[in-house]
Amino acid sequence: MYSGKMTDELTELYTQYYEKYGGNPDEYIDLEYGDDYNLFKRDIKRALKKGIELPELYPLEDEEW
């Protein structure tokens, strides 16, 4: 989740992300960005460039059961 400032650039990234993936980049409850604008913006750009959704940037490591 992201709770920081909204800029024109971020609004444009939201639009691009929604058009590509059908959802907003701040809807993933497992990802916590807080108000880290630069990290959130960077990750959206990376996801769009790589053609993957945000959670795929941070694959889960093997969990011990």
PDB file of N, CA and C in Angstrom:
ATOM      1  N   MET A   1       0.847  -1.175   0.000  1.00  0.00           N
ATOM      2  CA  MET A   1       0.000   0.000   0.000  1.00  0.00           C
ATOM      3  C   MET A   1       0.894   1.241   0.000  1.00  0.00           C
ATOM      4  N   TYR A   2       0.359   2.279  -0.574  1.00  0.00           N
ATOM      5  CA  TYR A   2       1.066   3.554  -0.642  1.00  0.00           C
ATOM      6  C   TYR A   2       0.170   4.636  -0.066  1.00  0.00           C
ATOM      7  N   SER A   3       0.733   5.488   0.778  1.00  0.00           N
ATOM      8  CA  SER A   3      -0.065   6.531   1.422  1.00  0.00           C
ATOM      9  C   SER A   3       0.591   7.911   1.296  1.00  0.00           C
ATOM     10  N   GLY A   4       1.437   8.068   0.307  1.00  0.00           N
ATOM     11  CA  GLY A   4       2.151   9.330   0.152  1.00  0.00           C
ATOM     12  C   GLY A   4       1.466  10.298  -0.786  1.00  0.00           C
ATOM     13  N   LYS A   5       2.249  11.277  -1.212  1.00  0.00           N
ATOM     14  CA  LYS A   5       1.737  12.354  -2.054  1.00  0.00           C
ATOM     15  C   LYS A   5       1.399  11.844  -3.456  1.00  0.00           C
ATOM     16  N   MET A   6       0.514  12.553  -4.104  1.00  0.00           N
ATOM     17  CA  MET A   6       0.140  12.245  -5.484  1.00  0.00           C
ATOM     18  C   MET A   6       0.604  13.410  -6.351  1.00  0.00           C
ATOM     19  N   THR A   7       1.321  13.087  -7.404  1.00  0.00           N
ATOM     20  CA  THR A   7       1.814  14.101  -8.336  1.00  0.00           C
ATOM     21  C   THR A   7       1.241  13.813  -9.721  1.00  0.00           C
ATOM     22  N   ASP A   8       1.446  14.748 -10.633  1.00  0.00           N
ATOM     23  CA  ASP A   8       1.006  14.520 -12.014  1.00  0.00           C
ATOM     24  C   ASP A   8       1.715  13.306 -12.610  1.00  0.00           C
ATOM     25  N   GLU A   9       3.003  13.180 -12.317  1.00  0.00           N
ATOM     26  CA  GLU A   9       3.761  12.041 -12.842  1.00  0.00           C
ATOM     27  C   GLU A   9       3.209  10.723 -12.301  1.00  0.00           C
ATOM     28  N   LEU A  10       2.906  10.692 -11.012  1.00  0.00           N
ATOM     29  CA  LEU A  10       2.376   9.475 -10.416  1.00  0.00           C
ATOM     30  C   LEU A  10       0.978   9.164 -10.947  1.00  0.00           C
ATOM     31  N   THR A  11       0.182  10.195 -11.173  1.00  0.00           N
ATOM     32  CA  THR A  11      -1.142   9.998 -11.766  1.00  0.00           C
ATOM     33  C   THR A  11      -1.024   9.352 -13.137  1.00  0.00           C
ATOM     34  N   GLU A  12      -0.064   9.794 -13.926  1.00  0.00           N
ATOM     35  CA  GLU A  12       0.167   9.209 -15.252  1.00  0.00           C
ATOM     36  C   GLU A  12       0.615   7.750 -15.134  1.00  0.00           C
ATOM     37  N   LEU A  13       1.476   7.463 -14.169  1.00  0.00           N
ATOM     38  CA  LEU A  13       1.911   6.081 -13.966  1.00  0.00           C
ATOM     39  C   LEU A  13       0.748   5.190 -13.535  1.00  0.00           C
ATOM     40  N   TYR A  14      -0.136   5.714 -12.683  1.00  0.00           N
ATOM     41  CA  TYR A  14      -1.341   4.971 -12.287  1.00  0.00           C
ATOM     42  C   TYR A  14      -2.168   4.626 -13.525  1.00  0.00           C
ATOM     43  N   THR A  15      -2.334   5.592 -14.417  1.00  0.00           N
ATOM     44  CA  THR A  15      -3.117   5.387 -15.636  1.00  0.00           C
ATOM     45  C   THR A  15      -2.482   4.297 -16.494  1.00  0.00           C
ATOM     46  N   GLN A  16      -1.189   4.384 -16.695  1.00  0.00           N
ATOM     47  CA  GLN A  16      -0.487   3.384 -17.498  1.00  0.00           C
ATOM     48  C   GLN A  16      -0.599   2.001 -16.868  1.00  0.00           C
ATOM     49  N   TYR A  17      -0.445   1.944 -15.560  1.00  0.00           N
ATOM     50  CA  TYR A  17      -0.512   0.666 -14.848  1.00  0.00           C
ATOM     51  C   TYR A  17      -1.914   0.074 -14.961  1.00  0.00           C
ATOM     52  N   TYR A  18      -2.919   0.903 -14.765  1.00  0.00           N
ATOM     53  CA  TYR A  18      -4.302   0.426 -14.850  1.00  0.00           C
ATOM     54  C   TYR A  18      -4.615  -0.093 -16.252  1.00  0.00           C
ATOM     55  N   GLU A  19      -4.175   0.627 -17.255  1.00  0.00           N
ATOM     56  CA  GLU A  19      -4.429   0.204 -18.635  1.00  0.00           C
ATOM     57  C   GLU A  19      -3.755  -1.128 -18.950  1.00  0.00           C
ATOM     58  N   LYS A  20      -2.611  -1.371 -18.367  1.00  0.00           N
ATOM     59  CA  LYS A  20      -1.869  -2.598 -18.645  1.00  0.00           C
ATOM     60  C   LYS A  20      -2.350  -3.782 -17.805  1.00  0.00           C
ATOM     61  N   TYR A  21      -2.687  -3.531 -16.535  1.00  0.00           N
ATOM     62  CA  TYR A  21      -2.981  -4.633 -15.617  1.00  0.00           C
ATOM     63  C   TYR A  21      -4.412  -4.633 -15.061  1.00  0.00           C
ATOM     64  N   GLY A  22      -5.187  -3.603 -15.347  1.00  0.00           N
ATOM     65  CA  GLY A  22      -6.573  -3.577 -14.903  1.00  0.00           C
ATOM     66  C   GLY A  22      -6.778  -3.307 -13.426  1.00  0.00           C
ATOM     67  N   GLY A  23      -5.775  -2.772 -12.775  1.00  0.00           N
ATOM     68  CA  GLY A  23      -5.884  -2.432 -11.359  1.00  0.00           C
ATOM     69  C   GLY A  23      -4.916  -1.316 -11.029  1.00  0.00           C
ATOM     70  N   ASN A  24      -5.041  -0.789  -9.833  1.00  0.00           N
ATOM     71  CA  ASN A  24      -4.157   0.285  -9.391  1.00  0.00           C
ATOM     72  C   ASN A  24      -2.925  -0.279  -8.704  1.00  0.00           C
ATOM     73  N   PRO A  25      -1.796   0.381  -8.825  1.00  0.00           N
ATOM     74  CA  PRO A  25      -0.573  -0.139  -8.220  1.00  0.00           C
ATOM     75  C   PRO A  25      -0.558  -0.081  -6.694  1.00  0.00           C
ATOM     76  N   ASP A  26      -1.492   0.633  -6.091  1.00  0.00           N
ATOM     77  CA  ASP A  26      -1.502   0.714  -4.624  1.00  0.00           C
ATOM     78  C   ASP A  26      -2.481  -0.263  -3.986  1.00  0.00           C
ATOM     79  N   GLU A  27      -2.992  -1.210  -4.742  1.00  0.00           N
ATOM     80  CA  GLU A  27      -4.007  -2.113  -4.196  1.00  0.00           C
ATOM     81  C   GLU A  27      -3.432  -3.392  -3.588  1.00  0.00           C
ATOM     82  N   TYR A  28      -2.142  -3.588  -3.667  1.00  0.00           N
ATOM     83  CA  TYR A  28      -1.538  -4.817  -3.158  1.00  0.00           C
ATOM     84  C   TYR A  28      -1.231  -4.664  -1.670  1.00  0.00           C
ATOM     85  N   ILE A  29      -1.987  -5.369  -0.835  1.00  0.00           N
ATOM     86  CA  ILE A  29      -1.829  -5.204   0.612  1.00  0.00           C
ATOM     87  C   ILE A  29      -0.534  -5.825   1.131  1.00  0.00           C
ATOM     88  N   ASP A  30       0.062  -6.720   0.361  1.00  0.00           N
ATOM     89  CA  ASP A  30       1.309  -7.352   0.788  1.00  0.00           C
ATOM     90  C   ASP A  30       2.527  -6.462   0.571  1.00  0.00           C
ATOM     91  N   LEU A  31       2.366  -5.402  -0.204  1.00  0.00           N
ATOM     92  CA  LEU A  31       3.467  -4.468  -0.455  1.00  0.00           C
ATOM     93  C   LEU A  31       3.213  -3.187   0.334  1.00  0.00           C
ATOM     94  N   GLU A  32       4.166  -2.817   1.151  1.00  0.00           N
ATOM     95  CA  GLU A  32       4.000  -1.626   1.979  1.00  0.00           C
ATOM     96  C   GLU A  32       5.053  -0.592   1.614  1.00  0.00           C
ATOM     97  N   TYR A  33       4.582   0.505   1.025  1.00  0.00           N
ATOM     98  CA  TYR A  33       5.470   1.602   0.654  1.00  0.00           C
ATOM     99  C   TYR A  33       5.352   2.776   1.622  1.00  0.00           C
ATOM    100  N   GLY A  34       4.302   2.796   2.430  1.00  0.00           N
ATOM    101  CA  GLY A  34       4.095   3.933   3.317  1.00  0.00           C
ATOM    102  C   GLY A  34       4.004   5.207   2.503  1.00  0.00           C
ATOM    103  N   ASP A  35       4.845   6.173   2.812  1.00  0.00           N
ATOM    104  CA  ASP A  35       4.848   7.419   2.047  1.00  0.00           C
ATOM    105  C   ASP A  35       6.146   7.581   1.240  1.00  0.00           C
ATOM    106  N   ASP A  36       6.813   6.449   0.939  1.00  0.00           N
ATOM    107  CA  ASP A  36       8.065   6.480   0.180  1.00  0.00           C
ATOM    108  C   ASP A  36       7.768   6.662  -1.309  1.00  0.00           C
ATOM    109  N   TYR A  37       7.581   7.908  -1.690  1.00  0.00           N
ATOM    110  CA  TYR A  37       7.213   8.280  -3.051  1.00  0.00           C
ATOM    111  C   TYR A  37       8.219   7.772  -4.083  1.00  0.00           C
ATOM    112  N   ASN A  38       9.502   7.987  -3.819  1.00  0.00           N
ATOM    113  CA  ASN A  38      10.520   7.622  -4.799  1.00  0.00           C
ATOM    114  C   ASN A  38      10.582   6.113  -5.042  1.00  0.00           C
ATOM    115  N   LEU A  39      10.495   5.320  -4.004  1.00  0.00           N
ATOM    116  CA  LEU A  39      10.519   3.865  -4.154  1.00  0.00           C
ATOM    117  C   LEU A  39       9.272   3.382  -4.895  1.00  0.00           C
ATOM    118  N   PHE A  40       8.120   3.913  -4.533  1.00  0.00           N
ATOM    119  CA  PHE A  40       6.865   3.520  -5.172  1.00  0.00           C
ATOM    120  C   PHE A  40       6.898   3.866  -6.661  1.00  0.00           C
ATOM    121  N   LYS A  41       7.302   5.071  -6.978  1.00  0.00           N
ATOM    122  CA  LYS A  41       7.381   5.512  -8.368  1.00  0.00           C
ATOM    123  C   LYS A  41       8.376   4.644  -9.147  1.00  0.00           C
ATOM    124  N   ARG A  42       9.528   4.396  -8.555  1.00  0.00           N
ATOM    125  CA  ARG A  42      10.542   3.565  -9.205  1.00  0.00           C
ATOM    126  C   ARG A  42      10.011   2.168  -9.503  1.00  0.00           C
ATOM    127  N   ASP A  43       9.316   1.569  -8.541  1.00  0.00           N
ATOM    128  CA  ASP A  43       8.804   0.218  -8.735  1.00  0.00           C
ATOM    129  C   ASP A  43       7.713   0.161  -9.794  1.00  0.00           C
ATOM    130  N   ILE A  44       6.862   1.163  -9.859  1.00  0.00           N
ATOM    131  CA  ILE A  44       5.841   1.183 -10.913  1.00  0.00           C
ATOM    132  C   ILE A  44       6.520   1.247 -12.276  1.00  0.00           C
ATOM    133  N   LYS A  45       7.513   2.105 -12.405  1.00  0.00           N
ATOM    134  CA  LYS A  45       8.239   2.217 -13.677  1.00  0.00           C
ATOM    135  C   LYS A  45       8.913   0.894 -14.035  1.00  0.00           C
ATOM    136  N   ARG A  46       9.530   0.245 -13.065  1.00  0.00           N
ATOM    137  CA  ARG A  46      10.188  -1.043 -13.308  1.00  0.00           C
ATOM    138  C   ARG A  46       9.172  -2.096 -13.738  1.00  0.00           C
ATOM    139  N   ALA A  47       8.035  -2.138 -13.067  1.00  0.00           N
ATOM    140  CA  ALA A  47       7.009  -3.128 -13.399  1.00  0.00           C
ATOM    141  C   ALA A  47       6.483  -2.911 -14.816  1.00  0.00           C
ATOM    142  N   LEU A  48       6.231  -1.673 -15.169  1.00  0.00           N
ATOM    143  CA  LEU A  48       5.746  -1.381 -16.514  1.00  0.00           C
ATOM    144  C   LEU A  48       6.792  -1.748 -17.564  1.00  0.00           C
ATOM    145  N   LYS A  49       8.037  -1.436 -17.295  1.00  0.00           N
ATOM    146  CA  LYS A  49       9.111  -1.723 -18.249  1.00  0.00           C
ATOM    147  C   LYS A  49       9.314  -3.232 -18.427  1.00  0.00           C
ATOM    148  N   LYS A  50       9.244  -3.981 -17.321  1.00  0.00           N
ATOM    149  CA  LYS A  50       9.460  -5.421 -17.374  1.00  0.00           C
ATOM    150  C   LYS A  50       8.209  -6.188 -17.818  1.00  0.00           C
ATOM    151  N   GLY A  51       7.050  -5.524 -17.807  1.00  0.00           N
ATOM    152  CA  GLY A  51       5.814  -6.188 -18.196  1.00  0.00           C
ATOM    153  C   GLY A  51       5.273  -7.124 -17.139  1.00  0.00           C
ATOM    154  N   ILE A  52       5.521  -6.788 -15.868  1.00  0.00           N
ATOM    155  CA  ILE A  52       5.037  -7.613 -14.758  1.00  0.00           C
ATOM    156  C   ILE A  52       4.323  -6.726 -13.747  1.00  0.00           C
ATOM    157  N   GLU A  53       3.498  -7.343 -12.907  1.00  0.00           N
ATOM    158  CA  GLU A  53       2.821  -6.586 -11.862  1.00  0.00           C
ATOM    159  C   GLU A  53       3.763  -6.387 -10.677  1.00  0.00           C
ATOM    160  N   LEU A  54       3.454  -5.416  -9.855  1.00  0.00           N
ATOM    161  CA  LEU A  54       4.337  -5.054  -8.737  1.00  0.00           C
ATOM    162  C   LEU A  54       4.750  -6.229  -7.851  1.00  0.00           C
ATOM    163  N   PRO A  55       3.828  -7.103  -7.426  1.00  0.00           N
ATOM    164  CA  PRO A  55       4.262  -8.191  -6.541  1.00  0.00           C
ATOM    165  C   PRO A  55       5.323  -9.096  -7.168  1.00  0.00           C
ATOM    166  N   GLU A  56       5.360  -9.151  -8.484  1.00  0.00           N
ATOM    167  CA  GLU A  56       6.344  -9.991  -9.149  1.00  0.00           C
ATOM    168  C   GLU A  56       7.757  -9.406  -9.085  1.00  0.00           C
ATOM    169  N   LEU A  57       7.877  -8.151  -8.696  1.00  0.00           N
ATOM    170  CA  LEU A  57       9.195  -7.557  -8.488  1.00  0.00           C
ATOM    171  C   LEU A  57       9.858  -8.130  -7.248  1.00  0.00           C
ATOM    172  N   TYR A  58       9.043  -8.592  -6.325  1.00  0.00           N
ATOM    173  CA  TYR A  58       9.541  -9.116  -5.046  1.00  0.00           C
ATOM    174  C   TYR A  58       9.006 -10.520  -4.838  1.00  0.00           C
ATOM    175  N   PRO A  59       9.565 -11.490  -5.567  1.00  0.00           N
ATOM    176  CA  PRO A  59       9.060 -12.859  -5.413  1.00  0.00           C
ATOM    177  C   PRO A  59       9.278 -13.370  -3.997  1.00  0.00           C
ATOM    178  N   LEU A  60       8.350 -14.172  -3.554  1.00  0.00           N
ATOM    179  CA  LEU A  60       8.459 -14.751  -2.221  1.00  0.00           C
ATOM    180  C   LEU A  60       9.631 -15.727  -2.182  1.00  0.00           C
ATOM    181  N   GLU A  61      10.381 -15.651  -1.118  1.00  0.00           N
ATOM    182  CA  GLU A  61      11.462 -16.605  -0.937  1.00  0.00           C
ATOM    183  C   GLU A  61      10.866 -17.900  -0.406  1.00  0.00           C
ATOM    184  N   ASP A  62      11.614 -18.975  -0.540  1.00  0.00           N
ATOM    185  CA  ASP A  62      11.134 -20.253  -0.008  1.00  0.00           C
ATOM    186  C   ASP A  62      10.816 -20.076   1.459  1.00  0.00           C
ATOM    187  N   GLU A  63       9.647 -20.533   1.827  1.00  0.00           N
ATOM    188  CA  GLU A  63       9.224 -20.425   3.229  1.00  0.00           C
ATOM    189  C   GLU A  63       9.451 -21.756   3.924  1.00  0.00           C
ATOM    190  N   GLU A  64       9.858 -21.703   5.155  1.00  0.00           N
ATOM    191  CA  GLU A  64       9.967 -22.924   5.942  1.00  0.00           C
ATOM    192  C   GLU A  64       8.613 -23.237   6.528  1.00  0.00           C
ATOM    193  N   TRP A  65       8.221 -24.457   6.387  1.00  0.00           N
ATOM    194  CA  TRP A  65       6.913 -24.875   6.927  1.00  0.00           C
ATOM    195  C   TRP A  65       7.107 -25.718   8.125  1.00  0.00           C
TER     196      TRP A  65
END
